[in-house]
Amino acid sequence: MYPNMQIRTVMVDDKEVRTCSEGYIVDMDEWSDGFVRAQAEVEGLELTDEHWDVIKFLRNYFEEHRVQCEVRKMIKYYKHAWGAERGNSSYLHKIFPRGGPQKQGNRLAGLMRTKGEH
């Protein structure tokens, strides 16, 4: 799944959950809200309702389409949901400072790296 990457673990409710060295979950079936909280702590991110909204949006989109959501589609959705001031790429990158919603958001949502991501 993540060739040539070191496997790490994060403690989730007294259970070790494996991630790659970048923090992406190895087994998507092990994802939980507890994983989000534990991985956010590892990444130094204080979760807000907005983070949870994006994480749930990413998971729902993936479940419906079987692919990760493109940033432009997220922006369109959040521009409508949150208004132009917060529904833009700059704001989404501000609340997900370690790679934006496409990287950090997907990590927390328990999704795989997107195509072309290094």
N, C-alpha and C. Protein backbone atom coordinates (compact mmCIF):
# COMPACT_ATOMS: atom_id res chain seq x y z
N MET A 1 0.83 -1.19 0.00
CA MET A 1 0.00 0.00 0.00
C MET A 1 0.87 1.25 0.00
N TYR A 2 1.84 1.32 0.88
CA TYR A 2 2.80 2.42 0.94
C TYR A 2 4.19 1.81 0.83
N PRO A 3 4.62 1.46 -0.39
CA PRO A 3 5.91 0.78 -0.54
C PRO A 3 7.06 1.64 -0.04
N ASN A 4 8.02 0.97 0.57
CA ASN A 4 9.25 1.61 1.03
C ASN A 4 9.03 2.69 2.09
N MET A 5 7.92 2.64 2.81
CA MET A 5 7.67 3.62 3.86
C MET A 5 7.70 2.93 5.21
N GLN A 6 8.22 3.65 6.16
CA GLN A 6 8.26 3.15 7.52
C GLN A 6 6.86 3.16 8.12
N ILE A 7 6.53 2.10 8.84
CA ILE A 7 5.22 2.03 9.51
C ILE A 7 5.37 2.56 10.92
N ARG A 8 4.43 3.39 11.31
CA ARG A 8 4.36 3.94 12.67
C ARG A 8 3.02 3.54 13.26
N THR A 9 2.85 3.83 14.54
CA THR A 9 1.56 3.57 15.17
C THR A 9 1.11 4.80 15.93
N VAL A 10 -0.18 4.91 16.10
CA VAL A 10 -0.80 5.94 16.92
C VAL A 10 -1.76 5.21 17.85
N MET A 11 -1.77 5.62 19.12
CA MET A 11 -2.66 4.97 20.10
C MET A 11 -4.07 5.54 19.98
N VAL A 12 -5.01 4.64 19.77
CA VAL A 12 -6.42 5.01 19.64
C VAL A 12 -7.20 4.14 20.61
N ASP A 13 -7.69 4.74 21.67
CA ASP A 13 -8.49 4.00 22.65
C ASP A 13 -7.78 2.72 23.10
N ASP A 14 -6.55 2.85 23.54
CA ASP A 14 -5.73 1.74 24.04
C ASP A 14 -5.39 0.68 22.98
N LYS A 15 -5.49 1.04 21.71
CA LYS A 15 -5.14 0.12 20.62
C LYS A 15 -4.19 0.84 19.67
N GLU A 16 -3.18 0.13 19.22
CA GLU A 16 -2.26 0.70 18.24
C GLU A 16 -2.86 0.61 16.85
N VAL A 17 -2.90 1.74 16.15
CA VAL A 17 -3.37 1.79 14.77
C VAL A 17 -2.17 2.17 13.91
N ARG A 18 -1.92 1.38 12.89
CA ARG A 18 -0.75 1.60 12.04
C ARG A 18 -0.99 2.72 11.03
N THR A 19 0.05 3.55 10.86
CA THR A 19 0.06 4.57 9.82
C THR A 19 1.39 4.47 9.08
N CYS A 20 1.44 5.06 7.90
CA CYS A 20 2.72 5.16 7.21
C CYS A 20 3.50 6.29 7.88
N SER A 21 4.72 6.50 7.46
CA SER A 21 5.55 7.52 8.09
C SER A 21 4.98 8.93 7.92
N GLU A 22 4.09 9.12 6.95
CA GLU A 22 3.47 10.43 6.74
C GLU A 22 2.17 10.60 7.53
N GLY A 23 1.71 9.53 8.20
CA GLY A 23 0.50 9.63 9.01
C GLY A 23 -0.76 9.11 8.37
N TYR A 24 -0.68 8.59 7.14
CA TYR A 24 -1.86 8.01 6.50
C TYR A 24 -2.12 6.63 7.08
N ILE A 25 -3.37 6.37 7.41
CA ILE A 25 -3.75 5.10 8.02
C ILE A 25 -3.48 3.95 7.04
N VAL A 26 -3.01 2.84 7.55
CA VAL A 26 -2.68 1.69 6.71
C VAL A 26 -3.94 0.88 6.39
N ASP A 27 -4.78 0.65 7.38
CA ASP A 27 -6.01 -0.12 7.20
C ASP A 27 -7.20 0.81 7.41
N MET A 28 -7.85 1.17 6.30
CA MET A 28 -8.96 2.13 6.38
C MET A 28 -10.08 1.66 7.31
N ASP A 29 -10.19 0.35 7.51
CA ASP A 29 -11.23 -0.18 8.39
C ASP A 29 -10.97 0.14 9.86
N GLU A 30 -9.74 0.56 10.19
CA GLU A 30 -9.42 0.92 11.57
C GLU A 30 -9.71 2.38 11.88
N TRP A 31 -10.20 3.13 10.90
CA TRP A 31 -10.50 4.54 11.11
C TRP A 31 -11.66 4.70 12.10
N SER A 32 -11.57 5.74 12.92
CA SER A 32 -12.63 6.08 13.87
C SER A 32 -12.46 7.54 14.26
N ASP A 33 -13.45 8.07 14.97
CA ASP A 33 -13.31 9.43 15.51
C ASP A 33 -12.10 9.50 16.44
N GLY A 34 -11.85 8.40 17.15
CA GLY A 34 -10.68 8.34 18.02
C GLY A 34 -9.39 8.48 17.24
N PHE A 35 -9.33 7.88 16.04
CA PHE A 35 -8.16 8.04 15.20
C PHE A 35 -7.97 9.50 14.83
N VAL A 36 -9.05 10.18 14.46
CA VAL A 36 -8.96 11.60 14.10
C VAL A 36 -8.33 12.39 15.25
N ARG A 37 -8.85 12.17 16.46
CA ARG A 37 -8.33 12.91 17.62
C ARG A 37 -6.85 12.58 17.87
N ALA A 38 -6.50 11.30 17.79
CA ALA A 38 -5.12 10.88 18.05
C ALA A 38 -4.16 11.42 16.99
N GLN A 39 -4.54 11.31 15.72
CA GLN A 39 -3.66 11.79 14.64
C GLN A 39 -3.56 13.31 14.66
N ALA A 40 -4.65 13.99 14.98
CA ALA A 40 -4.61 15.45 15.09
C ALA A 40 -3.63 15.87 16.18
N GLU A 41 -3.64 15.15 17.29
CA GLU A 41 -2.69 15.45 18.38
C GLU A 41 -1.26 15.25 17.90
N VAL A 42 -1.00 14.16 17.18
CA VAL A 42 0.34 13.91 16.63
C VAL A 42 0.76 15.08 15.73
N GLU A 43 -0.18 15.60 14.96
CA GLU A 43 0.12 16.68 14.00
C GLU A 43 0.03 18.07 14.63
N GLY A 44 -0.31 18.14 15.92
CA GLY A 44 -0.39 19.43 16.59
C GLY A 44 -1.56 20.29 16.15
N LEU A 45 -2.64 19.64 15.76
CA LEU A 45 -3.82 20.33 15.28
C LEU A 45 -4.93 20.28 16.32
N GLU A 46 -5.42 21.43 16.72
CA GLU A 46 -6.55 21.50 17.65
C GLU A 46 -7.84 21.47 16.84
N LEU A 47 -8.59 20.40 16.98
CA LEU A 47 -9.78 20.20 16.16
C LEU A 47 -10.91 21.15 16.54
N THR A 48 -11.57 21.67 15.50
CA THR A 48 -12.75 22.52 15.68
C THR A 48 -13.92 21.86 14.95
N ASP A 49 -15.08 22.44 15.09
CA ASP A 49 -16.24 21.94 14.35
C ASP A 49 -16.00 22.00 12.84
N GLU A 50 -15.26 23.01 12.38
CA GLU A 50 -14.97 23.12 10.95
C GLU A 50 -14.11 21.95 10.47
N HIS A 51 -13.12 21.57 11.27
CA HIS A 51 -12.30 20.41 10.91
C HIS A 51 -13.18 19.17 10.77
N TRP A 52 -14.03 18.94 11.77
CA TRP A 52 -14.90 17.76 11.74
C TRP A 52 -15.82 17.81 10.53
N ASP A 53 -16.31 19.00 10.18
CA ASP A 53 -17.19 19.15 9.02
C ASP A 53 -16.46 18.72 7.75
N VAL A 54 -15.22 19.19 7.58
CA VAL A 54 -14.44 18.84 6.39
C VAL A 54 -14.11 17.34 6.38
N ILE A 55 -13.71 16.81 7.51
CA ILE A 55 -13.37 15.39 7.61
C ILE A 55 -14.57 14.52 7.24
N LYS A 56 -15.72 14.85 7.76
CA LYS A 56 -16.93 14.08 7.43
C LYS A 56 -17.32 14.25 5.97
N PHE A 57 -17.15 15.47 5.44
CA PHE A 57 -17.41 15.71 4.02
C PHE A 57 -16.50 14.82 3.16
N LEU A 58 -15.20 14.78 3.50
CA LEU A 58 -14.24 13.98 2.73
C LEU A 58 -14.60 12.50 2.77
N ARG A 59 -14.96 12.01 3.94
CA ARG A 59 -15.34 10.59 4.06
C ARG A 59 -16.61 10.29 3.28
N ASN A 60 -17.61 11.15 3.40
CA ASN A 60 -18.87 10.94 2.67
C ASN A 60 -18.65 10.98 1.16
N TYR A 61 -17.84 11.93 0.72
CA TYR A 61 -17.55 12.03 -0.71
C TYR A 61 -16.87 10.75 -1.19
N PHE A 62 -15.88 10.28 -0.42
CA PHE A 62 -15.18 9.06 -0.80
C PHE A 62 -16.13 7.86 -0.83
N GLU A 63 -16.98 7.74 0.16
CA GLU A 63 -17.92 6.63 0.20
C GLU A 63 -18.87 6.65 -0.99
N GLU A 64 -19.27 7.84 -1.41
CA GLU A 64 -20.20 7.96 -2.53
C GLU A 64 -19.52 7.77 -3.88
N HIS A 65 -18.30 8.33 -4.05
CA HIS A 65 -17.65 8.34 -5.36
C HIS A 65 -16.46 7.38 -5.49
N ARG A 66 -15.99 6.83 -4.38
CA ARG A 66 -14.84 5.91 -4.33
C ARG A 66 -13.53 6.55 -4.77
N VAL A 67 -13.46 7.87 -4.74
CA VAL A 67 -12.24 8.63 -5.00
C VAL A 67 -12.22 9.81 -4.02
N GLN A 68 -11.02 10.36 -3.79
CA GLN A 68 -10.91 11.53 -2.93
C GLN A 68 -11.49 12.74 -3.67
N CYS A 69 -12.02 13.64 -2.90
CA CYS A 69 -12.60 14.86 -3.47
C CYS A 69 -11.48 15.80 -3.93
N GLU A 70 -11.67 16.39 -5.10
CA GLU A 70 -10.73 17.38 -5.61
C GLU A 70 -10.94 18.69 -4.85
N VAL A 71 -9.84 19.44 -4.69
CA VAL A 71 -9.90 20.69 -3.93
C VAL A 71 -10.93 21.65 -4.53
N ARG A 72 -10.98 21.74 -5.84
CA ARG A 72 -11.92 22.70 -6.45
C ARG A 72 -13.37 22.36 -6.10
N LYS A 73 -13.68 21.06 -5.97
CA LYS A 73 -15.04 20.66 -5.58
C LYS A 73 -15.30 20.99 -4.11
N MET A 74 -14.26 20.82 -3.27
CA MET A 74 -14.39 21.21 -1.86
C MET A 74 -14.66 22.70 -1.74
N ILE A 75 -13.90 23.49 -2.50
CA ILE A 75 -14.05 24.94 -2.44
C ILE A 75 -15.46 25.34 -2.87
N LYS A 76 -15.94 24.76 -3.95
CA LYS A 76 -17.29 25.06 -4.42
C LYS A 76 -18.32 24.73 -3.33
N TYR A 77 -18.17 23.56 -2.72
CA TYR A 77 -19.09 23.14 -1.67
C TYR A 77 -19.03 24.10 -0.47
N TYR A 78 -17.81 24.40 0.00
CA TYR A 78 -17.69 25.24 1.20
C TYR A 78 -17.96 26.71 0.94
N LYS A 79 -17.79 27.16 -0.28
CA LYS A 79 -18.17 28.54 -0.61
C LYS A 79 -19.68 28.69 -0.41
N HIS A 80 -20.41 27.66 -0.82
CA HIS A 80 -21.86 27.68 -0.63
C HIS A 80 -22.23 27.47 0.84
N ALA A 81 -21.56 26.53 1.52
CA ALA A 81 -21.90 26.19 2.90
C ALA A 81 -21.45 27.25 3.90
N TRP A 82 -20.26 27.81 3.71
CA TRP A 82 -19.68 28.74 4.69
C TRP A 82 -19.62 30.19 4.22
N GLY A 83 -19.88 30.43 2.95
CA GLY A 83 -19.75 31.78 2.41
C GLY A 83 -18.35 32.00 1.84
N ALA A 84 -18.20 33.03 1.03
CA ALA A 84 -16.96 33.28 0.31
C ALA A 84 -15.77 33.56 1.24
N GLU A 85 -16.02 34.16 2.40
CA GLU A 85 -14.92 34.52 3.30
C GLU A 85 -14.18 33.29 3.82
N ARG A 86 -14.88 32.21 4.09
CA ARG A 86 -14.24 30.99 4.59
C ARG A 86 -14.24 29.85 3.58
N GLY A 87 -15.10 29.91 2.60
CA GLY A 87 -15.19 28.85 1.61
C GLY A 87 -14.24 29.06 0.46
N ASN A 88 -12.93 29.08 0.78
CA ASN A 88 -11.92 29.28 -0.26
C ASN A 88 -10.66 28.49 0.08
N SER A 89 -9.79 28.37 -0.89
CA SER A 89 -8.58 27.57 -0.73
C SER A 89 -7.69 28.09 0.40
N SER A 90 -7.55 29.39 0.50
CA SER A 90 -6.69 29.96 1.55
C SER A 90 -7.18 29.58 2.95
N TYR A 91 -8.48 29.68 3.16
CA TYR A 91 -9.02 29.36 4.48
C TYR A 91 -8.89 27.87 4.77
N LEU A 92 -9.19 27.02 3.80
CA LEU A 92 -9.06 25.58 4.02
C LEU A 92 -7.61 25.20 4.32
N HIS A 93 -6.66 25.85 3.66
CA HIS A 93 -5.25 25.60 3.96
C HIS A 93 -4.85 26.18 5.32
N LYS A 94 -5.52 27.23 5.72
CA LYS A 94 -5.24 27.81 7.04
C LYS A 94 -5.67 26.86 8.16
N ILE A 95 -6.83 26.23 8.01
CA ILE A 95 -7.29 25.34 9.09
C ILE A 95 -6.64 23.96 9.01
N PHE A 96 -6.09 23.62 7.85
CA PHE A 96 -5.32 22.38 7.68
C PHE A 96 -3.91 22.77 7.22
N PRO A 97 -3.10 23.30 8.14
CA PRO A 97 -1.81 23.88 7.77
C PRO A 97 -0.75 22.89 7.29
N ARG A 98 -0.94 21.62 7.54
CA ARG A 98 0.06 20.62 7.12
C ARG A 98 -0.40 19.89 5.86
N GLY A 99 -0.48 20.64 4.77
CA GLY A 99 -0.83 20.04 3.49
C GLY A 99 -2.22 20.36 2.99
N GLY A 100 -2.94 21.21 3.69
CA GLY A 100 -4.29 21.57 3.24
C GLY A 100 -5.28 20.43 3.41
N PRO A 101 -6.49 20.64 2.93
CA PRO A 101 -7.52 19.62 3.10
C PRO A 101 -7.25 18.36 2.29
N GLN A 102 -6.51 18.50 1.19
CA GLN A 102 -6.26 17.33 0.34
C GLN A 102 -5.26 16.38 0.99
N LYS A 103 -4.30 16.89 1.73
CA LYS A 103 -3.32 16.02 2.39
C LYS A 103 -3.71 15.80 3.85
N GLN A 104 -3.68 16.87 4.66
CA GLN A 104 -3.97 16.71 6.08
C GLN A 104 -5.41 16.29 6.30
N GLY A 105 -6.33 16.84 5.55
CA GLY A 105 -7.73 16.44 5.68
C GLY A 105 -7.93 14.97 5.36
N ASN A 106 -7.33 14.51 4.27
CA ASN A 106 -7.44 13.09 3.91
C ASN A 106 -6.77 12.19 4.95
N ARG A 107 -5.63 12.62 5.49
CA ARG A 107 -4.98 11.81 6.54
C ARG A 107 -5.92 11.62 7.72
N LEU A 108 -6.48 12.72 8.18
CA LEU A 108 -7.37 12.65 9.34
C LEU A 108 -8.66 11.88 9.02
N ALA A 109 -9.10 11.96 7.79
CA ALA A 109 -10.32 11.26 7.37
C ALA A 109 -10.06 9.77 7.13
N GLY A 110 -8.81 9.35 7.28
CA GLY A 110 -8.49 7.94 7.10
C GLY A 110 -8.46 7.50 5.65
N LEU A 111 -8.25 8.47 4.76
CA LEU A 111 -8.20 8.16 3.33
C LEU A 111 -6.76 8.06 2.87
N MET A 112 -6.55 7.46 1.73
CA MET A 112 -5.21 7.27 1.18
C MET A 112 -4.71 8.57 0.58
N ARG A 113 -3.41 8.58 0.31
CA ARG A 113 -2.83 9.73 -0.40
C ARG A 113 -3.49 9.84 -1.76
N THR A 114 -3.61 11.08 -2.25
CA THR A 114 -4.18 11.28 -3.57
C THR A 114 -3.15 10.98 -4.64
N LYS A 115 -3.59 10.69 -5.84
CA LYS A 115 -2.69 10.41 -6.95
C LYS A 115 -1.73 11.57 -7.14
N GLY A 116 -0.47 11.26 -7.41
CA GLY A 116 0.52 12.28 -7.69
C GLY A 116 1.10 12.94 -6.46
N GLU A 117 0.58 12.61 -5.29
CA GLU A 117 1.10 13.22 -4.05
C GLU A 117 2.42 12.56 -3.68
N HIS A 118 3.38 13.37 -3.31
CA HIS A 118 4.72 12.84 -2.95
C HIS A 118 4.88 12.79 -1.46
